[in-house]
Structures are given as structure tokens and as C-alpha cells.
PDB file of all heavy atoms in Angstrom:
ATOM      1  N   ASN A   1      -5.892   3.852   2.203  1.00  0.00           N
ATOM      2  CA  ASN A   1      -6.803   3.138   3.095  1.00  0.00           C
ATOM      3  C   ASN A   1      -7.496   1.981   2.381  1.00  0.00           C
ATOM      4  O   ASN A   1      -7.701   0.914   2.958  1.00  0.00           O
ATOM      5  CB  ASN A   1      -7.823   4.087   3.705  1.00  0.00           C
ATOM      6  CG  ASN A   1      -7.198   5.011   4.727  1.00  0.00           C
ATOM      7  OD1 ASN A   1      -6.184   4.687   5.353  1.00  0.00           O
ATOM      8  ND2 ASN A   1      -7.786   6.190   4.896  1.00  0.00           N
ATOM      9  N   VAL A   2      -7.844   2.176   1.110  1.00  0.00           N
ATOM     10  CA  VAL A   2      -8.455   1.104   0.321  1.00  0.00           C
ATOM     11  C   VAL A   2      -7.460  -0.046   0.154  1.00  0.00           C
ATOM     12  O   VAL A   2      -7.812  -1.216   0.310  1.00  0.00           O
ATOM     13  CB  VAL A   2      -8.926   1.632  -1.055  1.00  0.00           C
ATOM     14  CG1 VAL A   2      -9.307   0.498  -1.985  1.00  0.00           C
ATOM     15  CG2 VAL A   2     -10.084   2.600  -0.890  1.00  0.00           C
ATOM     16  N   VAL A   3      -6.218   0.294  -0.157  1.00  0.00           N
ATOM     17  CA  VAL A   3      -5.189  -0.735  -0.333  1.00  0.00           C
ATOM     18  C   VAL A   3      -4.985  -1.505   0.967  1.00  0.00           C
ATOM     19  O   VAL A   3      -4.941  -2.738   0.970  1.00  0.00           O
ATOM     20  CB  VAL A   3      -3.863  -0.110  -0.818  1.00  0.00           C
ATOM     21  CG1 VAL A   3      -2.728  -1.121  -0.777  1.00  0.00           C
ATOM     22  CG2 VAL A   3      -4.034   0.459  -2.221  1.00  0.00           C
ATOM     23  N   LYS A   4      -4.878  -0.808   2.070  1.00  0.00           N
ATOM     24  CA  LYS A   4      -4.676  -1.474   3.365  1.00  0.00           C
ATOM     25  C   LYS A   4      -5.834  -2.420   3.674  1.00  0.00           C
ATOM     26  O   LYS A   4      -5.621  -3.567   4.077  1.00  0.00           O
ATOM     27  CB  LYS A   4      -4.530  -0.448   4.489  1.00  0.00           C
ATOM     28  CG  LYS A   4      -4.293  -1.102   5.855  1.00  0.00           C
ATOM     29  CD  LYS A   4      -4.181  -0.101   6.968  1.00  0.00           C
ATOM     30  CE  LYS A   4      -3.952  -0.824   8.281  1.00  0.00           C
ATOM     31  NZ  LYS A   4      -4.007   0.080   9.422  1.00  0.00           N
ATOM     32  N   ALA A   5      -7.053  -1.969   3.446  1.00  0.00           N
ATOM     33  CA  ALA A   5      -8.222  -2.807   3.717  1.00  0.00           C
ATOM     34  C   ALA A   5      -8.247  -4.021   2.791  1.00  0.00           C
ATOM     35  O   ALA A   5      -8.563  -5.135   3.220  1.00  0.00           O
ATOM     36  CB  ALA A   5      -9.496  -1.988   3.563  1.00  0.00           C
ATOM     37  N   THR A   6      -7.894  -3.798   1.535  1.00  0.00           N
ATOM     38  CA  THR A   6      -7.904  -4.896   0.564  1.00  0.00           C
ATOM     39  C   THR A   6      -6.874  -5.964   0.921  1.00  0.00           C
ATOM     40  O   THR A   6      -7.154  -7.156   0.849  1.00  0.00           O
ATOM     41  CB  THR A   6      -7.614  -4.354  -0.858  1.00  0.00           C
ATOM     42  OG1 THR A   6      -8.632  -3.423  -1.206  1.00  0.00           O
ATOM     43  CG2 THR A   6      -7.580  -5.476  -1.882  1.00  0.00           C
ATOM     44  N   LEU A   7      -5.690  -5.531   1.315  1.00  0.00           N
ATOM     45  CA  LEU A   7      -4.613  -6.470   1.608  1.00  0.00           C
ATOM     46  C   LEU A   7      -4.731  -7.091   3.001  1.00  0.00           C
ATOM     47  O   LEU A   7      -4.119  -8.123   3.261  1.00  0.00           O
ATOM     48  CB  LEU A   7      -3.261  -5.773   1.443  1.00  0.00           C
ATOM     49  CG  LEU A   7      -2.976  -5.280   0.017  1.00  0.00           C
ATOM     50  CD1 LEU A   7      -1.681  -4.498  -0.027  1.00  0.00           C
ATOM     51  CD2 LEU A   7      -2.961  -6.428  -0.968  1.00  0.00           C
ATOM     52  N   GLY A   8      -5.494  -6.465   3.879  1.00  0.00           N
ATOM     53  CA  GLY A   8      -5.726  -7.027   5.211  1.00  0.00           C
ATOM     54  C   GLY A   8      -4.499  -7.056   6.104  1.00  0.00           C
ATOM     55  O   GLY A   8      -4.354  -7.932   6.947  1.00  0.00           O
ATOM     56  N   TYR A   9      -3.627  -6.082   5.944  1.00  0.00           N
ATOM     57  CA  TYR A   9      -2.412  -6.026   6.735  1.00  0.00           C
ATOM     58  C   TYR A   9      -2.685  -5.642   8.188  1.00  0.00           C
ATOM     59  O   TYR A   9      -3.597  -4.871   8.480  1.00  0.00           O
ATOM     60  CB  TYR A   9      -1.450  -4.977   6.168  1.00  0.00           C
ATOM     61  CG  TYR A   9      -0.767  -5.365   4.885  1.00  0.00           C
ATOM     62  CD1 TYR A   9      -0.457  -4.391   3.953  1.00  0.00           C
ATOM     63  CD2 TYR A   9      -0.395  -6.671   4.606  1.00  0.00           C
ATOM     64  CE1 TYR A   9       0.200  -4.703   2.768  1.00  0.00           C
ATOM     65  CE2 TYR A   9       0.257  -7.001   3.431  1.00  0.00           C
ATOM     66  CZ  TYR A   9       0.549  -6.015   2.527  1.00  0.00           C
ATOM     67  OH  TYR A   9       1.200  -6.327   1.363  1.00  0.00           O
ATOM     68  N   THR A  10      -1.836  -6.146   9.082  1.00  0.00           N
ATOM     69  CA  THR A  10      -1.815  -5.647  10.450  1.00  0.00           C
ATOM     70  C   THR A  10      -1.184  -4.253  10.396  1.00  0.00           C
ATOM     71  O   THR A  10      -0.583  -3.869   9.388  1.00  0.00           O
ATOM     72  CB  THR A  10      -0.951  -6.536  11.364  1.00  0.00           C
ATOM     73  OG1 THR A  10       0.409  -6.469  10.913  1.00  0.00           O
ATOM     74  CG2 THR A  10      -1.439  -7.979  11.369  1.00  0.00           C
ATOM     75  N   ASP A  11      -1.285  -3.513  11.481  1.00  0.00           N
ATOM     76  CA  ASP A  11      -0.669  -2.181  11.517  1.00  0.00           C
ATOM     77  C   ASP A  11       0.840  -2.265  11.296  1.00  0.00           C
ATOM     78  O   ASP A  11       1.415  -1.448  10.576  1.00  0.00           O
ATOM     79  CB  ASP A  11      -0.979  -1.475  12.839  1.00  0.00           C
ATOM     80  CG  ASP A  11      -2.438  -1.037  12.926  1.00  0.00           C
ATOM     81  OD1 ASP A  11      -3.098  -0.933  11.863  1.00  0.00           O
ATOM     82  OD2 ASP A  11      -2.915  -0.804  14.050  1.00  0.00           O
ATOM     83  N   ALA A  12       1.489  -3.262  11.879  1.00  0.00           N
ATOM     84  CA  ALA A  12       2.937  -3.413  11.713  1.00  0.00           C
ATOM     85  C   ALA A  12       3.281  -3.739  10.253  1.00  0.00           C
ATOM     86  O   ALA A  12       4.231  -3.172   9.688  1.00  0.00           O
ATOM     87  CB  ALA A  12       3.467  -4.508  12.644  1.00  0.00           C
ATOM     88  N   GLN A  13       2.527  -4.645   9.650  1.00  0.00           N
ATOM     89  CA  GLN A  13       2.765  -4.965   8.243  1.00  0.00           C
ATOM     90  C   GLN A  13       2.541  -3.737   7.362  1.00  0.00           C
ATOM     91  O   GLN A  13       3.284  -3.493   6.414  1.00  0.00           O
ATOM     92  CB  GLN A  13       1.835  -6.099   7.781  1.00  0.00           C
ATOM     93  CG  GLN A  13       2.165  -7.441   8.380  1.00  0.00           C
ATOM     94  CD  GLN A  13       1.076  -8.458   8.089  1.00  0.00           C
ATOM     95  OE1 GLN A  13      -0.117  -8.144   8.086  1.00  0.00           O
ATOM     96  NE2 GLN A  13       1.497  -9.697   7.852  1.00  0.00           N
ATOM     97  N   TRP A  14       1.520  -2.970   7.705  1.00  0.00           N
ATOM     98  CA  TRP A  14       1.196  -1.783   6.919  1.00  0.00           C
ATOM     99  C   TRP A  14       2.339  -0.773   6.961  1.00  0.00           C
ATOM    100  O   TRP A  14       2.710  -0.196   5.951  1.00  0.00           O
ATOM    101  CB  TRP A  14      -0.108  -1.165   7.398  1.00  0.00           C
ATOM    102  CG  TRP A  14      -0.521   0.042   6.624  1.00  0.00           C
ATOM    103  CD1 TRP A  14      -0.657   1.305   7.088  1.00  0.00           C
ATOM    104  CD2 TRP A  14      -0.834   0.100   5.228  1.00  0.00           C
ATOM    105  NE1 TRP A  14      -1.044   2.149   6.084  1.00  0.00           N
ATOM    106  CE2 TRP A  14      -1.162   1.429   4.918  1.00  0.00           C
ATOM    107  CE3 TRP A  14      -0.874  -0.835   4.205  1.00  0.00           C
ATOM    108  CZ2 TRP A  14      -1.516   1.846   3.647  1.00  0.00           C
ATOM    109  CZ3 TRP A  14      -1.225  -0.429   2.935  1.00  0.00           C
ATOM    110  CH2 TRP A  14      -1.551   0.908   2.661  1.00  0.00           C
ATOM    111  N   GLU A  15       2.888  -0.561   8.134  1.00  0.00           N
ATOM    112  CA  GLU A  15       3.994   0.387   8.259  1.00  0.00           C
ATOM    113  C   GLU A  15       5.209  -0.092   7.466  1.00  0.00           C
ATOM    114  O   GLU A  15       5.884   0.705   6.817  1.00  0.00           O
ATOM    115  CB  GLU A  15       4.344   0.618   9.732  1.00  0.00           C
ATOM    116  CG  GLU A  15       3.282   1.397  10.486  1.00  0.00           C
ATOM    117  CD  GLU A  15       2.908   2.718   9.816  1.00  0.00           C
ATOM    118  OE1 GLU A  15       3.815   3.467   9.384  1.00  0.00           O
ATOM    119  OE2 GLU A  15       1.693   3.004   9.709  1.00  0.00           O
ATOM    120  N   THR A  16       5.469  -1.387   7.490  1.00  0.00           N
ATOM    121  CA  THR A  16       6.570  -1.936   6.698  1.00  0.00           C
ATOM    122  C   THR A  16       6.300  -1.734   5.209  1.00  0.00           C
ATOM    123  O   THR A  16       7.178  -1.301   4.456  1.00  0.00           O
ATOM    124  CB  THR A  16       6.764  -3.433   7.005  1.00  0.00           C
ATOM    125  OG1 THR A  16       7.069  -3.579   8.393  1.00  0.00           O
ATOM    126  CG2 THR A  16       7.876  -4.038   6.167  1.00  0.00           C
ATOM    127  N   TRP A  17       5.068  -2.024   4.793  1.00  0.00           N
ATOM    128  CA  TRP A  17       4.686  -1.863   3.386  1.00  0.00           C
ATOM    129  C   TRP A  17       4.855  -0.413   2.952  1.00  0.00           C
ATOM    130  O   TRP A  17       5.422  -0.136   1.903  1.00  0.00           O
ATOM    131  CB  TRP A  17       3.247  -2.338   3.198  1.00  0.00           C
ATOM    132  CG  TRP A  17       2.785  -2.335   1.780  1.00  0.00           C
ATOM    133  CD1 TRP A  17       2.847  -3.369   0.891  1.00  0.00           C
ATOM    134  CD2 TRP A  17       2.169  -1.242   1.075  1.00  0.00           C
ATOM    135  NE1 TRP A  17       2.320  -2.983  -0.321  1.00  0.00           N
ATOM    136  CE2 TRP A  17       1.902  -1.683  -0.233  1.00  0.00           C
ATOM    137  CE3 TRP A  17       1.832   0.055   1.419  1.00  0.00           C
ATOM    138  CZ2 TRP A  17       1.304  -0.874  -1.182  1.00  0.00           C
ATOM    139  CZ3 TRP A  17       1.233   0.867   0.467  1.00  0.00           C
ATOM    140  CH2 TRP A  17       0.982   0.403  -0.819  1.00  0.00           C
ATOM    141  N   LYS A  18       4.356   0.520   3.768  1.00  0.00           N
ATOM    142  CA  LYS A  18       4.424   1.948   3.431  1.00  0.00           C
ATOM    143  C   LYS A  18       5.852   2.485   3.417  1.00  0.00           C
ATOM    144  O   LYS A  18       6.127   3.491   2.763  1.00  0.00           O
ATOM    145  CB  LYS A  18       3.583   2.787   4.402  1.00  0.00           C
ATOM    146  CG  LYS A  18       2.113   2.733   4.102  1.00  0.00           C
ATOM    147  CD  LYS A  18       1.284   3.758   4.846  1.00  0.00           C
ATOM    148  CE  LYS A  18       1.869   4.405   6.028  1.00  0.00           C
ATOM    149  NZ  LYS A  18       0.994   5.331   6.749  1.00  0.00           N
ATOM    150  N   SER A  19       6.762   1.822   4.111  1.00  0.00           N
ATOM    151  CA  SER A  19       8.143   2.314   4.158  1.00  0.00           C
ATOM    152  C   SER A  19       8.888   2.051   2.848  1.00  0.00           C
ATOM    153  O   SER A  19       9.972   2.589   2.652  1.00  0.00           O
ATOM    154  CB  SER A  19       8.903   1.682   5.327  1.00  0.00           C
ATOM    155  OG  SER A  19       9.150   0.311   5.073  1.00  0.00           O
ATOM    156  N   ASN A  20       8.301   1.266   1.958  1.00  0.00           N
ATOM    157  CA  ASN A  20       8.915   1.002   0.657  1.00  0.00           C
ATOM    158  C   ASN A  20       8.384   2.034  -0.340  1.00  0.00           C
ATOM    159  O   ASN A  20       7.218   1.991  -0.719  1.00  0.00           O
ATOM    160  CB  ASN A  20       8.563  -0.417   0.196  1.00  0.00           C
ATOM    161  CG  ASN A  20       9.178  -0.762  -1.139  1.00  0.00           C
ATOM    162  OD1 ASN A  20       9.579   0.106  -1.915  1.00  0.00           O
ATOM    163  ND2 ASN A  20       9.233  -2.058  -1.421  1.00  0.00           N
ATOM    164  N   PRO A  21       9.218   2.980  -0.774  1.00  0.00           N
ATOM    165  CA  PRO A  21       8.747   4.042  -1.668  1.00  0.00           C
ATOM    166  C   PRO A  21       8.150   3.513  -2.973  1.00  0.00           C
ATOM    167  O   PRO A  21       7.252   4.122  -3.541  1.00  0.00           O
ATOM    168  CB  PRO A  21       9.994   4.880  -1.959  1.00  0.00           C
ATOM    169  CG  PRO A  21      11.036   4.426  -1.019  1.00  0.00           C
ATOM    170  CD  PRO A  21      10.628   3.108  -0.456  1.00  0.00           C
ATOM    171  N   ARG A  22       8.618   2.375  -3.425  1.00  0.00           N
ATOM    172  CA  ARG A  22       8.089   1.806  -4.674  1.00  0.00           C
ATOM    173  C   ARG A  22       6.609   1.456  -4.516  1.00  0.00           C
ATOM    174  O   ARG A  22       5.824   1.632  -5.441  1.00  0.00           O
ATOM    175  CB  ARG A  22       8.910   0.568  -5.066  1.00  0.00           C
ATOM    176  CG  ARG A  22       8.517  -0.018  -6.388  1.00  0.00           C
ATOM    177  CD  ARG A  22       8.875   0.944  -7.528  1.00  0.00           C
ATOM    178  NE  ARG A  22       8.440   0.360  -8.784  1.00  0.00           N
ATOM    179  CZ  ARG A  22       7.816   1.013  -9.744  1.00  0.00           C
ATOM    180  NH1 ARG A  22       7.592   2.293  -9.623  1.00  0.00           N
ATOM    181  NH2 ARG A  22       7.442   0.423 -10.832  1.00  0.00           N
ATOM    182  N   ASN A  23       6.221   0.968  -3.363  1.00  0.00           N
ATOM    183  CA  ASN A  23       4.806   0.652  -3.137  1.00  0.00           C
ATOM    184  C   ASN A  23       3.937   1.900  -3.285  1.00  0.00           C
ATOM    185  O   ASN A  23       2.855   1.852  -3.865  1.00  0.00           O
ATOM    186  CB  ASN A  23       4.599   0.026  -1.757  1.00  0.00           C
ATOM    187  CG  ASN A  23       5.147  -1.372  -1.677  1.00  0.00           C
ATOM    188  OD1 ASN A  23       5.305  -2.050  -2.696  1.00  0.00           O
ATOM    189  ND2 ASN A  23       5.447  -1.815  -0.473  1.00  0.00           N
ATOM    190  N   LEU A  24       4.422   3.008  -2.764  1.00  0.00           N
ATOM    191  CA  LEU A  24       3.657   4.257  -2.856  1.00  0.00           C
ATOM    192  C   LEU A  24       3.582   4.748  -4.297  1.00  0.00           C
ATOM    193  O   LEU A  24       2.558   5.281  -4.720  1.00  0.00           O
ATOM    194  CB  LEU A  24       4.264   5.311  -1.937  1.00  0.00           C
ATOM    195  CG  LEU A  24       4.281   4.929  -0.451  1.00  0.00           C
ATOM    196  CD1 LEU A  24       4.969   6.011   0.369  1.00  0.00           C
ATOM    197  CD2 LEU A  24       2.886   4.638   0.061  1.00  0.00           C
ATOM    198  N   GLU A  25       4.648   4.537  -5.070  1.00  0.00           N
ATOM    199  CA  GLU A  25       4.618   4.891  -6.490  1.00  0.00           C
ATOM    200  C   GLU A  25       3.574   4.064  -7.233  1.00  0.00           C
ATOM    201  O   GLU A  25       2.870   4.577  -8.102  1.00  0.00           O
ATOM    202  CB  GLU A  25       5.997   4.659  -7.123  1.00  0.00           C
ATOM    203  CG  GLU A  25       7.055   5.634  -6.692  1.00  0.00           C
ATOM    204  CD  GLU A  25       8.417   5.261  -7.257  1.00  0.00           C
ATOM    205  OE1 GLU A  25       8.480   4.630  -8.335  1.00  0.00           O
ATOM    206  OE2 GLU A  25       9.422   5.601  -6.616  1.00  0.00           O
ATOM    207  N   ILE A  26       3.491   2.791  -6.898  1.00  0.00           N
ATOM    208  CA  ILE A  26       2.507   1.912  -7.543  1.00  0.00           C
ATOM    209  C   ILE A  26       1.095   2.392  -7.233  1.00  0.00           C
ATOM    210  O   ILE A  26       0.243   2.460  -8.114  1.00  0.00           O
ATOM    211  CB  ILE A  26       2.712   0.449  -7.113  1.00  0.00           C
ATOM    212  CG1 ILE A  26       4.023  -0.074  -7.700  1.00  0.00           C
ATOM    213  CG2 ILE A  26       1.535  -0.424  -7.548  1.00  0.00           C
ATOM    214  CD1 ILE A  26       4.463  -1.412  -7.143  1.00  0.00           C
ATOM    215  N   VAL A  27       0.857   2.758  -5.980  1.00  0.00           N
ATOM    216  CA  VAL A  27      -0.475   3.251  -5.596  1.00  0.00           C
ATOM    217  C   VAL A  27      -0.835   4.496  -6.402  1.00  0.00           C
ATOM    218  O   VAL A  27      -1.991   4.685  -6.789  1.00  0.00           O
ATOM    219  CB  VAL A  27      -0.555   3.513  -4.078  1.00  0.00           C
ATOM    220  CG1 VAL A  27      -1.842   4.228  -3.706  1.00  0.00           C
ATOM    221  CG2 VAL A  27      -0.472   2.192  -3.315  1.00  0.00           C
ATOM    222  N   ASP A  28       0.148   5.312  -6.711  1.00  0.00           N
ATOM    223  CA  ASP A  28      -0.106   6.505  -7.530  1.00  0.00           C
ATOM    224  C   ASP A  28      -0.657   6.149  -8.908  1.00  0.00           C
ATOM    225  O   ASP A  28      -1.304   6.970  -9.551  1.00  0.00           O
ATOM    226  CB  ASP A  28       1.166   7.331  -7.708  1.00  0.00           C
ATOM    227  CG  ASP A  28       1.520   8.145  -6.480  1.00  0.00           C
ATOM    228  OD1 ASP A  28       0.621   8.384  -5.644  1.00  0.00           O
ATOM    229  OD2 ASP A  28       2.699   8.536  -6.350  1.00  0.00           O
ATOM    230  N   HIS A  29      -0.409   4.927  -9.366  1.00  0.00           N
ATOM    231  CA  HIS A  29      -0.826   4.500 -10.708  1.00  0.00           C
ATOM    232  C   HIS A  29      -1.964   3.479 -10.703  1.00  0.00           C
ATOM    233  O   HIS A  29      -2.328   2.981 -11.771  1.00  0.00           O
ATOM    234  CB  HIS A  29       0.372   3.918 -11.458  1.00  0.00           C
ATOM    235  CG  HIS A  29       1.443   4.920 -11.717  1.00  0.00           C
ATOM    236  ND1 HIS A  29       1.396   5.809 -12.767  1.00  0.00           N
ATOM    237  CD2 HIS A  29       2.584   5.197 -11.049  1.00  0.00           C
ATOM    238  CE1 HIS A  29       2.460   6.576 -12.738  1.00  0.00           C
ATOM    239  NE2 HIS A  29       3.192   6.239 -11.701  1.00  0.00           N
ATOM    240  N   ILE A  30      -2.507   3.193  -9.533  1.00  0.00           N
ATOM    241  CA  ILE A  30      -3.537   2.154  -9.445  1.00  0.00           C
ATOM    242  C   ILE A  30      -4.711   2.432 -10.380  1.00  0.00           C
ATOM    243  O   ILE A  30      -5.206   1.523 -11.040  1.00  0.00           O
ATOM    244  CB  ILE A  30      -4.011   1.960  -7.983  1.00  0.00           C
ATOM    245  CG1 ILE A  30      -3.018   1.073  -7.258  1.00  0.00           C
ATOM    246  CG2 ILE A  30      -5.409   1.375  -7.916  1.00  0.00           C
ATOM    247  CD1 ILE A  30      -3.371   0.739  -5.839  1.00  0.00           C
ATOM    248  N   GLY A  31      -5.142   3.652 -10.462  1.00  0.00           N
ATOM    249  CA  GLY A  31      -6.265   3.981 -11.340  1.00  0.00           C
ATOM    250  C   GLY A  31      -5.970   3.661 -12.797  1.00  0.00           C
ATOM    251  O   GLY A  31      -6.850   3.213 -13.535  1.00  0.00           O
ATOM    252  N   GLU A  32      -4.732   3.851 -13.212  1.00  0.00           N
ATOM    253  CA  GLU A  32      -4.340   3.571 -14.596  1.00  0.00           C
ATOM    254  C   GLU A  32      -4.359   2.083 -14.904  1.00  0.00           C
ATOM    255  O   GLU A  32      -4.618   1.682 -16.044  1.00  0.00           O
ATOM    256  CB  GLU A  32      -2.934   4.114 -14.861  1.00  0.00           C
ATOM    257  CG  GLU A  32      -2.826   5.624 -14.770  1.00  0.00           C
ATOM    258  CD  GLU A  32      -1.373   6.075 -14.797  1.00  0.00           C
ATOM    259  OE1 GLU A  32      -0.628   5.605 -15.673  1.00  0.00           O
ATOM    260  OE2 GLU A  32      -1.012   6.874 -13.924  1.00  0.00           O
ATOM    261  N   LEU A  33      -4.083   1.255 -13.907  1.00  0.00           N
ATOM    262  CA  LEU A  33      -4.022  -0.191 -14.132  1.00  0.00           C
ATOM    263  C   LEU A  33      -5.341  -0.732 -14.673  1.00  0.00           C
ATOM    264  O   LEU A  33      -5.356  -1.647 -15.494  1.00  0.00           O
ATOM    265  CB  LEU A  33      -3.655  -0.919 -12.831  1.00  0.00           C
ATOM    266  CG  LEU A  33      -2.286  -0.600 -12.245  1.00  0.00           C
ATOM    267  CD1 LEU A  33      -2.120  -1.286 -10.893  1.00  0.00           C
ATOM    268  CD2 LEU A  33      -1.179  -0.999 -13.186  1.00  0.00           C
TER     269      LEU A  33
END
């Protein structure tokens, strides 16, 4: 939810973004960045 708010995606863009498994892997490491 923080990522979605930060990026300002529409719902359609968000669903497209979430459908990429690599994006979800990156979110898993956001705290480490």
C-alpha cells in the first residue's frame, strides 16, 4: 500500500505492476535498501 501510494498508480496500473513477480520480490527487500 505504501508503494502504491508513493508511485501514484491508477488501479489498472497497480494490477499490471503487481502481476510482475520481480516487483514483489523487490518490495520484499525495500527495507534493506
